[in-house]
């Protein structure tokens, strides 16, 4: 016998087809289960979107902002008297404008601003004396001094600012945002417009056009005097039924909704009827939450004082040399406070409108009064949002449909769509920053031009939405807010 040990090499036993199938059965089952689970999850998401189109939706990419407050100045604020400092206007006051560039646009005599400008904050932004309160927040503001739009006419420019295009019916910016992101509070509208104008497009400025009707804005107040003032915010008409309890209303509404669903089964327009059903349900739920939000009496005295809504500020003027603010300022302050309350409660898009910025005459007194109405309330809104930790993901917008000419029209200024100023704050934009420039007199943008399509594209981007992908199929093409244009202004992103 040999003393050498023999190495034993084990070989795997032959595996039969039946044994292999038995051994891997659990693996196949797991794969099948995973596929079925994924398919069911996708079905659930689709069904959830059908059951509740206003449910929160995932953005295209991580957003910088979650909500928007748009402070809309109807009429076209004069940029050269507010946020676009032009020392050459004072030097050349009374002279004919230079005839270079777009000569037909430059007519009349140059008129210096009657207001002084100073630099404010660490950023040194130039801001008019018309905004003593807002100037304290200069380092929060991102000025767009190179804004442009297509036409210097109120109806077209106002509609384009809201809907991206004025030639045909289009959904408003708020409707697009609600369609893209849904809302965070199912008991409130996702899009609220406070005091919208009757003119310059009227309801189209907060409408849904060809989007489902549930994405249109909910109007609160309309026309100056129809909202707020010294007696507080106006009630929302028809919000409650004094003749029926909530339980009785629920029974009545269930019957009505059954009839609506039967209409769909019999071939009626499904999208229109579903929008009607959703709006009825939302109106029913609003009865519980909206009255509480409209009641400003539960705000602390310090907050009311901040907005100028305490006994000392109600109806008082607020501006240089005791400029009058009065009832307009009180109403606007209430609306700004409501905008904060709505944003905090989960409303996705809130718009607050103040008209009266069309200063063809009496510029010095009229513009001063308009600015006095908004200065303290807007400053308070920015401070209030910041103190509550909301400003970092709330995008605040300010501006009107265009600006004004550097030349005089009597003692006022004419329309100017070629160069004007809007500003943004919070929500992922650079603070204390100025982007774009008009020429030395303020006639037109010459650097950092931002068309209204670019403004829309940038707002959507800050909310995590790709303006080229946020589309809705209508009339044989994929429609979008920015039509076939628009550039995200990367330079202003924080």
Protein backbone atom coordinates (compact mmCIF):
# COMPACT_ATOMS: atom_id res chain seq x y z
CA UNK A 1 0.00 0.00 0.00
CA UNK A 2 1.26 3.40 -0.73
CA UNK A 3 1.87 5.86 2.08
CA UNK A 4 0.80 8.74 -0.11
CA UNK A 5 -2.66 10.10 0.68
CA UNK A 6 -5.03 10.29 -2.17
CA UNK A 7 -6.67 13.67 -2.83
CA UNK A 8 -10.39 13.40 -3.27
CA UNK A 9 -11.97 15.89 -5.64
CA UNK A 10 -15.74 16.25 -5.30
CA UNK A 11 -17.73 16.81 -8.43
CA UNK A 12 -21.17 18.39 -8.42
CA UNK A 13 -23.95 15.97 -8.76
CA UNK A 14 -25.90 16.10 -11.95
CA UNK A 15 -28.94 18.36 -11.67
CA UNK A 16 -32.08 17.22 -13.35
CA UNK A 17 -34.41 19.62 -15.13
CA UNK A 18 -37.14 18.89 -12.56
CA UNK A 19 -34.79 19.61 -9.63
CA UNK A 20 -33.58 22.87 -11.22
CA UNK A 21 -37.12 24.07 -11.78
CA UNK A 22 -38.06 23.22 -8.20
CA UNK A 23 -34.97 25.01 -6.83
CA UNK A 24 -35.60 28.16 -8.82
CA UNK A 25 -39.35 28.26 -8.45
CA UNK A 26 -39.19 30.75 -5.61
CA UNK A 27 -36.96 33.03 -7.72
CA UNK A 28 -39.40 32.99 -10.60
CA UNK A 29 -42.20 33.65 -8.15
CA UNK A 30 -40.35 36.64 -6.72
CA UNK A 31 -39.77 38.07 -10.18
CA UNK A 32 -43.38 37.55 -11.11
CA UNK A 33 -44.55 39.11 -7.85
CA UNK A 34 -42.26 42.12 -8.33
CA UNK A 35 -43.56 42.66 -11.86
CA UNK A 36 -47.16 42.37 -10.74
CA UNK A 37 -46.56 44.68 -7.77
CA UNK A 38 -44.97 47.30 -10.02
CA UNK A 39 -47.82 47.05 -12.48
CA UNK A 40 -50.38 47.39 -9.70
CA UNK A 41 -48.54 50.39 -8.24
CA UNK A 42 -48.61 52.08 -11.64
CA UNK A 43 -52.32 51.34 -11.94
CA UNK A 44 -52.89 52.78 -8.47
CA UNK A 45 -51.04 55.98 -9.43
CA UNK A 46 -53.04 56.35 -12.61
CA UNK A 47 -56.27 55.64 -10.76
CA UNK A 48 -55.34 58.12 -8.04
CA UNK A 49 -54.79 60.77 -10.70
CA UNK A 50 -58.20 59.94 -12.17
CA UNK A 51 -59.94 59.89 -8.78
CA UNK A 52 -58.25 63.08 -7.58
CA UNK A 53 -56.59 65.17 -10.31
CA UNK A 54 -55.61 67.76 -7.69
CA UNK A 55 -53.52 65.32 -5.62
CA UNK A 56 -49.84 66.33 -5.22
CA UNK A 57 -47.70 65.24 -8.17
CA UNK A 58 -43.97 64.67 -8.43
CA UNK A 59 -42.10 67.44 -10.28
CA UNK A 60 -39.74 66.69 -13.15
CA UNK A 61 -36.69 67.36 -10.93
CA UNK A 62 -36.01 68.56 -7.37
CA UNK A 63 -37.64 71.98 -6.96
CA UNK A 64 -36.29 75.07 -5.29
CA UNK A 65 -39.80 76.41 -4.61
CA UNK A 66 -43.03 74.69 -3.63
CA UNK A 67 -45.47 77.54 -4.07
CA UNK A 68 -45.87 80.97 -5.68
CA UNK A 69 -47.24 84.32 -4.53
CA UNK A 70 -47.67 86.71 -7.47
CA UNK A 71 -48.10 90.38 -6.57
CA UNK A 72 -49.59 91.68 -9.82
CA UNK A 73 -49.52 95.43 -10.50
CA UNK A 74 -52.11 96.00 -13.23
CA UNK A 75 -51.43 98.96 -15.48
CA UNK A 76 -47.65 98.97 -15.95
CA UNK A 77 -45.50 100.44 -13.14
CA UNK A 78 -42.84 102.92 -14.22
CA UNK A 79 -39.50 101.14 -13.95
CA UNK A 80 -37.46 104.35 -14.22
CA UNK A 81 -39.21 105.71 -11.10
CA UNK A 82 -39.06 102.56 -8.97
CA UNK A 83 -36.30 99.96 -9.51
CA UNK A 84 -34.30 101.05 -12.60
CA UNK A 85 -32.10 104.01 -11.64
CA UNK A 86 -31.29 106.28 -14.60
CA UNK A 87 -29.10 109.26 -13.63
CA UNK A 88 -28.86 110.27 -17.30
CA UNK A 89 -32.57 111.10 -17.20
CA UNK A 90 -31.85 113.85 -14.71
CA UNK A 91 -28.90 115.13 -16.76
CA UNK A 92 -30.90 115.14 -19.99
CA UNK A 93 -34.22 116.27 -18.54
CA UNK A 94 -36.27 118.13 -21.16
CA UNK A 95 -34.07 117.11 -24.08
CA UNK A 96 -35.16 115.19 -27.14
CA UNK A 97 -34.27 111.50 -26.83
CA UNK A 98 -31.39 110.14 -28.89
CA UNK A 99 -32.56 108.96 -32.30
CA UNK A 100 -30.31 105.92 -32.49
CA UNK A 101 -31.65 102.38 -32.29
CA UNK A 102 -35.42 102.07 -32.66
CA UNK A 103 -35.94 105.71 -33.66
CA UNK A 104 -39.75 105.56 -34.26
CA UNK A 105 -40.21 104.46 -30.66
CA UNK A 106 -38.39 107.46 -29.22
CA UNK A 107 -40.50 110.57 -29.28
CA UNK A 108 -41.38 113.42 -26.94
CA UNK A 109 -39.06 114.95 -24.33
CA UNK A 110 -37.08 113.13 -21.67
CA UNK A 111 -38.50 113.54 -18.17
CA UNK A 112 -36.35 113.07 -15.08
CA UNK A 113 -37.77 111.00 -12.26
CA UNK A 114 -39.24 113.22 -9.55
CA UNK A 115 -38.06 110.67 -6.98
CA UNK A 116 -34.65 110.11 -5.43
CA UNK A 117 -32.82 106.79 -5.61
CA UNK A 118 -30.45 105.34 -3.03
CA UNK A 119 -28.46 102.15 -2.69
CA UNK A 120 -29.69 99.72 -0.06
CA UNK A 121 -28.49 96.63 1.77
CA UNK A 122 -25.14 94.94 1.49
CA UNK A 123 -25.91 94.39 -2.18
CA UNK A 124 -26.24 98.10 -2.89
CA UNK A 125 -29.35 97.74 -5.05
CA UNK A 126 -30.68 101.08 -6.28
CA UNK A 127 -34.28 101.54 -5.08
CA UNK A 128 -36.53 104.59 -5.25
CA UNK A 129 -37.53 106.56 -2.17
CA UNK A 130 -41.08 105.40 -2.91
CA UNK A 131 -40.27 102.12 -1.09
CA UNK A 132 -38.79 102.94 2.33
CA UNK A 133 -40.08 99.70 3.88
CA UNK A 134 -39.32 97.37 0.99
CA UNK A 135 -35.81 98.86 0.63
CA UNK A 136 -34.92 97.28 3.98
CA UNK A 137 -35.32 93.92 2.24
CA UNK A 138 -33.11 94.81 -0.73
CA UNK A 139 -30.88 91.80 -0.11
CA UNK A 140 -33.86 89.50 -0.68
CA UNK A 141 -34.78 90.98 -4.08
CA UNK A 142 -33.68 89.74 -7.49
CA UNK A 143 -34.32 92.58 -9.95
CA UNK A 144 -34.92 91.77 -13.61
CA UNK A 145 -34.15 95.10 -15.27
CA UNK A 146 -34.22 93.73 -18.82
CA UNK A 147 -37.80 92.51 -19.07
CA UNK A 148 -39.54 92.60 -22.44
CA UNK A 149 -42.96 91.66 -23.81
CA UNK A 150 -44.51 91.80 -27.27
CA UNK A 151 -47.03 94.66 -27.31
CA UNK A 152 -47.45 97.88 -25.28
CA UNK A 153 -51.24 97.46 -25.03
CA UNK A 154 -52.87 96.51 -21.74
CA UNK A 155 -55.22 93.68 -22.86
CA UNK A 156 -52.60 91.84 -24.90
CA UNK A 157 -49.69 92.36 -22.50
CA UNK A 158 -51.71 91.48 -19.40
CA UNK A 159 -52.98 88.28 -21.02
CA UNK A 160 -49.49 87.36 -22.21
CA UNK A 161 -48.09 87.89 -18.73
CA UNK A 162 -50.67 85.45 -17.37
CA UNK A 163 -51.16 82.98 -20.22
CA UNK A 164 -48.01 83.20 -22.34
CA UNK A 165 -49.93 84.13 -25.46
CA UNK A 166 -52.77 86.56 -26.16
CA UNK A 167 -53.91 85.59 -29.66
CA UNK A 168 -55.85 82.46 -28.63
CA UNK A 169 -57.37 81.13 -25.39
CA UNK A 170 -54.67 79.56 -23.26
CA UNK A 171 -54.52 78.30 -19.66
CA UNK A 172 -53.17 80.76 -17.14
CA UNK A 173 -49.81 80.31 -15.43
CA UNK A 174 -51.51 79.35 -12.16
CA UNK A 175 -53.59 76.71 -13.94
CA UNK A 176 -50.48 75.21 -15.59
CA UNK A 177 -48.69 75.04 -12.24
CA UNK A 178 -51.67 73.41 -10.54
CA UNK A 179 -51.95 70.93 -13.44
CA UNK A 180 -48.26 70.10 -13.14
CA UNK A 181 -47.95 69.82 -9.36
CA UNK A 182 -51.41 69.40 -7.84
CA UNK A 183 -52.16 70.95 -4.47
CA UNK A 184 -51.10 70.19 -0.90
CA UNK A 185 -54.45 70.87 0.76
CA UNK A 186 -57.47 69.01 -0.58
CA UNK A 187 -59.87 71.27 1.34
CA UNK A 188 -58.74 74.44 -0.41
CA UNK A 189 -58.36 75.50 -4.04
CA UNK A 190 -54.85 74.98 -5.34
CA UNK A 191 -54.99 78.31 -7.20
CA UNK A 192 -56.50 81.43 -5.63
CA UNK A 193 -56.67 84.89 -7.20
CA UNK A 194 -57.49 87.81 -4.93
CA UNK A 195 -59.12 90.92 -6.39
CA UNK A 196 -58.55 90.11 -10.09
CA UNK A 197 -59.52 92.80 -12.63
CA UNK A 198 -62.65 92.72 -14.74
CA UNK A 199 -60.82 94.14 -17.75
CA UNK A 200 -57.68 93.19 -19.71
CA UNK A 201 -58.83 89.63 -20.25
CA UNK A 202 -60.87 89.31 -17.08
CA UNK A 203 -61.44 85.66 -16.10
CA UNK A 204 -59.07 84.42 -18.82
CA UNK A 205 -56.18 85.57 -16.62
CA UNK A 206 -57.01 82.87 -14.09
CA UNK A 207 -58.82 80.45 -16.39
CA UNK A 208 -57.97 76.90 -17.41
CA UNK A 209 -58.91 77.19 -21.13
CA UNK A 210 -58.52 73.68 -22.57
CA UNK A 211 -57.15 72.19 -19.34
CA UNK A 212 -59.75 70.44 -17.14
CA UNK A 213 -61.88 72.99 -15.30
CA UNK A 214 -60.62 71.99 -11.82
CA UNK A 215 -57.31 73.73 -12.59
CA UNK A 216 -58.76 77.23 -12.98
CA UNK A 217 -58.28 79.82 -10.26
CA UNK A 218 -60.79 80.50 -7.50
CA UNK A 219 -61.66 84.18 -7.35
CA UNK A 220 -61.92 85.99 -4.02
CA UNK A 221 -63.11 89.59 -4.40
CA UNK A 222 -63.10 91.45 -7.70
CA UNK A 223 -62.58 95.09 -8.42
CA UNK A 224 -61.40 97.66 -5.88
CA UNK A 225 -63.96 98.14 -3.16
CA UNK A 226 -65.19 94.57 -3.59
CA UNK A 227 -62.63 93.29 -1.12
CA UNK A 228 -61.50 94.34 2.30
CA UNK A 229 -60.98 97.85 3.56
CA UNK A 230 -61.41 99.09 7.09
CA UNK A 231 -64.12 96.53 7.81
CA UNK A 232 -61.89 93.55 6.98
CA UNK A 233 -61.90 90.97 4.18
CA UNK A 234 -65.14 90.43 2.36
CA UNK A 235 -66.93 87.13 2.76
CA UNK A 236 -66.85 84.60 -0.05
CA UNK A 237 -70.27 84.59 -1.65
CA UNK A 238 -72.30 81.35 -1.58
CA UNK A 239 -69.71 79.49 0.49
CA UNK A 240 -72.31 78.32 3.01
CA UNK A 241 -75.97 77.42 2.65
CA UNK A 242 -77.86 78.93 5.60
CA UNK A 243 -80.92 76.77 4.86
CA UNK A 244 -79.27 73.35 5.02
CA UNK A 245 -77.00 71.51 7.40
CA UNK A 246 -73.78 69.95 6.13
CA UNK A 247 -75.35 66.49 6.40
CA UNK A 248 -78.32 67.54 4.27
CA UNK A 249 -75.99 69.16 1.75
CA UNK A 250 -73.99 65.94 1.57
CA UNK A 251 -77.09 63.90 0.72
CA UNK A 252 -78.11 66.44 -1.91
CA UNK A 253 -74.63 66.55 -3.40
CA UNK A 254 -74.35 62.74 -3.56
CA UNK A 255 -77.57 62.63 -5.60
CA UNK A 256 -76.30 65.36 -7.91
CA UNK A 257 -72.96 63.59 -8.39
CA UNK A 258 -74.73 60.32 -9.25
CA UNK A 259 -76.66 62.17 -11.94
CA UNK A 260 -73.42 63.68 -13.23
CA UNK A 261 -71.79 60.24 -13.47
CA UNK A 262 -74.80 58.93 -15.35
CA UNK A 263 -74.27 61.70 -17.89
CA UNK A 264 -70.73 60.39 -18.48
CA UNK A 265 -72.09 56.87 -18.97
CA UNK A 266 -74.52 58.22 -21.56
CA UNK A 267 -71.76 59.82 -23.62
CA UNK A 268 -71.40 63.36 -22.25
CA UNK A 269 -67.99 65.06 -22.23
CA UNK A 270 -66.14 63.08 -19.58
CA UNK A 271 -63.44 65.67 -18.84
CA UNK A 272 -65.99 68.47 -18.45
CA UNK A 273 -68.28 66.45 -16.18
CA UNK A 274 -65.39 65.16 -14.06
CA UNK A 275 -64.21 68.74 -13.66
CA UNK A 276 -67.70 69.72 -12.52
CA UNK A 277 -67.82 66.85 -10.04
CA UNK A 278 -64.42 67.78 -8.62
CA UNK A 279 -65.38 71.45 -8.27
CA UNK A 280 -68.60 70.57 -6.40
CA UNK A 281 -66.69 68.34 -4.01
CA UNK A 282 -64.06 71.01 -3.39
CA UNK A 283 -66.73 73.65 -2.76
CA UNK A 284 -68.31 71.36 -0.18
CA UNK A 285 -64.99 70.79 1.63
CA UNK A 286 -64.09 74.50 1.52
CA UNK A 287 -66.93 75.29 3.91
CA UNK A 288 -64.90 73.88 6.76
CA UNK A 289 -61.51 75.53 6.16
CA UNK A 290 -61.82 78.68 4.07
CA UNK A 291 -63.84 80.77 6.56
CA UNK A 292 -61.16 80.18 9.20
CA UNK A 293 -58.41 81.34 6.85
CA UNK A 294 -60.34 84.47 5.89
CA UNK A 295 -60.77 85.44 9.54
CA UNK A 296 -57.83 87.70 10.38
CA UNK A 297 -59.02 88.30 13.94
CA UNK A 298 -57.00 85.34 15.18
CA UNK A 299 -53.71 86.86 14.01
CA UNK A 300 -51.41 88.14 16.78
CA UNK A 301 -51.32 91.89 17.33
CA UNK A 302 -47.63 91.89 16.34
CA UNK A 303 -48.47 90.46 12.90
CA UNK A 304 -51.29 92.94 12.30
CA UNK A 305 -48.95 95.74 13.31
CA UNK A 306 -46.28 94.45 10.92
CA UNK A 307 -48.71 94.73 7.99
CA UNK A 308 -50.10 98.05 9.21
CA UNK A 309 -53.45 96.57 10.14
CA UNK A 310 -53.52 97.67 13.78
CA UNK A 311 -55.53 100.67 14.91
CA UNK A 312 -52.63 103.02 14.19
CA UNK A 313 -52.10 101.80 10.63
CA UNK A 314 -55.64 101.26 9.35
CA UNK A 315 -56.27 103.78 6.59
CA UNK A 316 -53.10 105.73 7.31
CA UNK A 317 -50.64 106.89 4.70
CA UNK A 318 -47.29 105.17 4.33
CA UNK A 319 -44.67 106.81 2.15
CA UNK A 320 -42.26 109.73 1.74
CA UNK A 321 -43.59 113.10 2.81
CA UNK A 322 -46.79 111.58 4.22
CA UNK A 323 -48.03 110.22 0.90
CA UNK A 324 -51.59 108.92 1.11
CA UNK A 325 -52.29 105.20 1.27
CA UNK A 326 -55.74 105.04 2.87
CA UNK A 327 -58.24 102.32 2.15
CA UNK A 328 -56.23 100.98 -0.79
CA UNK A 329 -53.27 100.25 1.46
CA UNK A 330 -55.45 98.64 4.11
CA UNK A 331 -57.14 96.36 1.59
CA UNK A 332 -53.84 95.42 -0.04
CA UNK A 333 -52.31 94.69 3.37
CA UNK A 334 -55.20 92.35 4.17
CA UNK A 335 -54.72 90.62 0.85
CA UNK A 336 -50.96 90.14 1.41
CA UNK A 337 -51.66 88.67 4.84
CA UNK A 338 -54.25 86.35 3.32
CA UNK A 339 -51.72 85.33 0.67
CA UNK A 340 -49.32 84.25 3.41
CA UNK A 341 -52.09 82.33 5.19
CA UNK A 342 -53.11 80.57 1.98
CA UNK A 343 -49.50 79.68 1.13
CA UNK A 344 -48.92 78.35 4.63
CA UNK A 345 -52.10 76.26 4.37
CA UNK A 346 -50.89 74.52 1.21
CA UNK A 347 -52.32 76.58 -1.67
CA UNK A 348 -49.97 76.18 -4.61
CA UNK A 349 -50.45 79.52 -6.42
CA UNK A 350 -51.80 82.77 -4.94
CA UNK A 351 -52.17 85.97 -6.93
CA UNK A 352 -52.89 89.38 -5.43
CA UNK A 353 -53.74 92.20 -7.85
CA UNK A 354 -53.66 95.96 -7.39
CA UNK A 355 -54.77 98.10 -10.31
CA UNK A 356 -54.28 101.80 -10.98
CA UNK A 357 -50.67 101.79 -12.29
CA UNK A 358 -51.51 103.31 -15.71
CA UNK A 359 -49.96 106.70 -14.98
CA UNK A 360 -50.35 108.71 -18.18
CA UNK A 361 -51.05 111.81 -16.10
CA UNK A 362 -50.14 113.18 -12.67
CA UNK A 363 -47.22 110.75 -12.30
CA UNK A 364 -45.71 112.27 -9.19
CA UNK A 365 -48.81 112.12 -6.99
CA UNK A 366 -50.47 109.05 -8.53
CA UNK A 367 -47.39 106.82 -8.55
CA UNK A 368 -46.57 107.88 -5.01
CA UNK A 369 -50.07 106.85 -3.87
CA UNK A 370 -49.82 103.48 -5.63
CA UNK A 371 -46.44 102.73 -4.08
CA UNK A 372 -47.64 103.85 -0.64
CA UNK A 373 -50.45 101.28 -0.92
CA UNK A 374 -48.04 98.37 -1.39
CA UNK A 375 -44.76 99.32 0.30
CA UNK A 376 -45.37 98.28 3.90
CA UNK A 377 -47.62 95.29 3.07
CA UNK A 378 -45.07 93.73 0.69
CA UNK A 379 -42.20 94.35 3.09
CA UNK A 380 -44.29 92.74 5.82
CA UNK A 381 -45.09 89.75 3.61
CA UNK A 382 -41.40 89.08 2.92
CA UNK A 383 -40.52 89.42 6.59
CA UNK A 384 -43.47 87.27 7.69
CA UNK A 385 -42.60 84.51 5.23
CA UNK A 386 -38.96 84.56 6.32
CA UNK A 387 -39.80 84.43 10.03
CA UNK A 388 -41.98 81.37 9.43
CA UNK A 389 -39.35 79.59 7.37
CA UNK A 390 -41.53 79.83 4.26
CA UNK A 391 -39.55 82.26 2.11
CA UNK A 392 -36.88 79.73 1.17
CA UNK A 393 -39.44 77.63 -0.74
CA UNK A 394 -42.00 80.30 -1.62
CA UNK A 395 -41.36 82.20 -4.84
CA UNK A 396 -42.63 85.79 -4.58
CA UNK A 397 -43.14 87.64 -7.87
CA UNK A 398 -43.78 91.36 -8.38
CA UNK A 399 -44.52 93.32 -11.53
CA UNK A 400 -46.96 94.47 -14.15
CA UNK A 401 -47.56 93.84 -17.83
CA UNK A 402 -44.95 96.40 -19.00
CA UNK A 403 -43.16 99.58 -17.94
CA UNK A 404 -43.32 103.28 -18.89
CA UNK A 405 -41.43 105.53 -21.27
CA UNK A 406 -38.57 107.75 -20.09
CA UNK A 407 -40.23 110.54 -22.08
CA UNK A 408 -43.09 112.65 -20.82
CA UNK A 409 -46.73 112.39 -21.80
CA UNK A 410 -47.95 115.63 -20.28
CA UNK A 411 -46.99 115.10 -16.64
CA UNK A 412 -47.10 111.30 -16.96
CA UNK A 413 -45.49 108.50 -18.97
CA UNK A 414 -46.68 106.29 -21.83
CA UNK A 415 -46.51 102.49 -22.21
CA UNK A 416 -43.19 100.73 -22.76
CA UNK A 417 -42.93 97.01 -23.59
CA UNK A 418 -39.29 97.05 -24.77
CA UNK A 419 -37.67 97.36 -21.36
CA UNK A 420 -39.03 97.28 -17.81
CA UNK A 421 -38.50 95.74 -14.37
CA UNK A 422 -40.00 92.85 -12.45
CA UNK A 423 -38.54 91.27 -9.35
CA UNK A 424 -38.50 87.90 -7.60
CA UNK A 425 -37.67 86.90 -4.02
CA UNK A 426 -37.22 83.64 -2.12
CA UNK A 427 -37.84 80.28 -3.78
CA UNK A 428 -34.31 79.63 -5.04
CA UNK A 429 -33.35 82.95 -6.65
CA UNK A 430 -30.35 85.09 -5.83
CA UNK A 431 -31.09 87.84 -3.33
CA UNK A 432 -29.62 91.32 -3.60
CA UNK A 433 -29.01 90.73 -7.28
CA UNK A 434 -29.70 92.73 -10.43
CA UNK A 435 -29.88 91.00 -13.79
CA UNK A 436 -30.24 92.79 -17.11
CA UNK A 437 -30.00 96.42 -18.08
CA UNK A 438 -31.90 98.96 -20.13
CA UNK A 439 -30.15 101.71 -22.08
CA UNK A 440 -29.00 104.89 -20.33
CA UNK A 441 -32.47 106.42 -20.42
CA UNK A 442 -34.57 103.27 -19.90
CA UNK A 443 -36.15 102.91 -23.34
CA UNK A 444 -35.31 99.27 -24.00
CA UNK A 445 -33.40 96.28 -22.67
CA UNK A 446 -29.84 96.06 -23.99
CA UNK A 447 -28.31 93.40 -21.71
CA UNK A 448 -29.70 90.36 -19.95
CA UNK A 449 -32.95 90.48 -21.88
CA UNK A 450 -35.75 88.42 -20.31
CA UNK A 451 -38.82 87.96 -22.46
CA UNK A 452 -42.08 87.03 -20.73
CA UNK A 453 -41.61 83.47 -22.13
CA UNK A 454 -38.24 83.31 -20.32
CA UNK A 455 -39.90 84.56 -17.13
CA UNK A 456 -42.47 81.75 -17.34
CA UNK A 457 -39.82 79.13 -18.12
CA UNK A 458 -37.77 80.24 -15.10
CA UNK A 459 -40.75 80.20 -12.73
CA UNK A 460 -41.63 76.65 -13.81
CA UNK A 461 -37.99 75.60 -13.45
CA UNK A 462 -37.85 76.90 -9.88
CA UNK A 463 -40.91 74.74 -9.14
CA UNK A 464 -39.19 71.67 -10.56
CA UNK A 465 -41.04 71.70 -13.88
CA UNK A 466 -39.46 71.54 -17.32
CA UNK A 467 -41.39 74.08 -19.38
CA UNK A 468 -40.86 71.98 -22.53
CA UNK A 469 -42.28 68.84 -20.88
CA UNK A 470 -45.25 70.41 -19.09
CA UNK A 471 -47.66 69.91 -21.97
CA UNK A 472 -51.30 69.10 -22.68
CA UNK A 473 -52.55 67.60 -25.92
CA UNK A 474 -55.04 69.92 -27.57
CA UNK A 475 -56.06 70.59 -31.19
CA UNK A 476 -53.56 68.07 -32.45
CA UNK A 477 -50.44 69.40 -30.73
CA UNK A 478 -48.77 69.45 -27.34
CA UNK A 479 -49.54 72.87 -25.88
CA UNK A 480 -47.43 74.52 -23.19
CA UNK A 481 -47.27 77.79 -21.26
CA UNK A 482 -44.18 78.99 -23.15
CA UNK A 483 -45.61 78.10 -26.60
CA UNK A 484 -42.48 77.17 -28.62
CA UNK A 485 -40.09 79.59 -26.91
CA UNK A 486 -38.65 80.33 -23.50
CA UNK A 487 -35.23 80.09 -21.83
CA UNK A 488 -34.55 79.39 -18.16
CA UNK A 489 -32.59 82.37 -16.81
CA UNK A 490 -29.87 80.32 -15.13
CA UNK A 491 -27.99 83.44 -14.09
CA UNK A 492 -30.49 84.31 -11.34
CA UNK A 493 -30.71 80.85 -9.74
CA UNK A 494 -29.20 80.62 -6.27
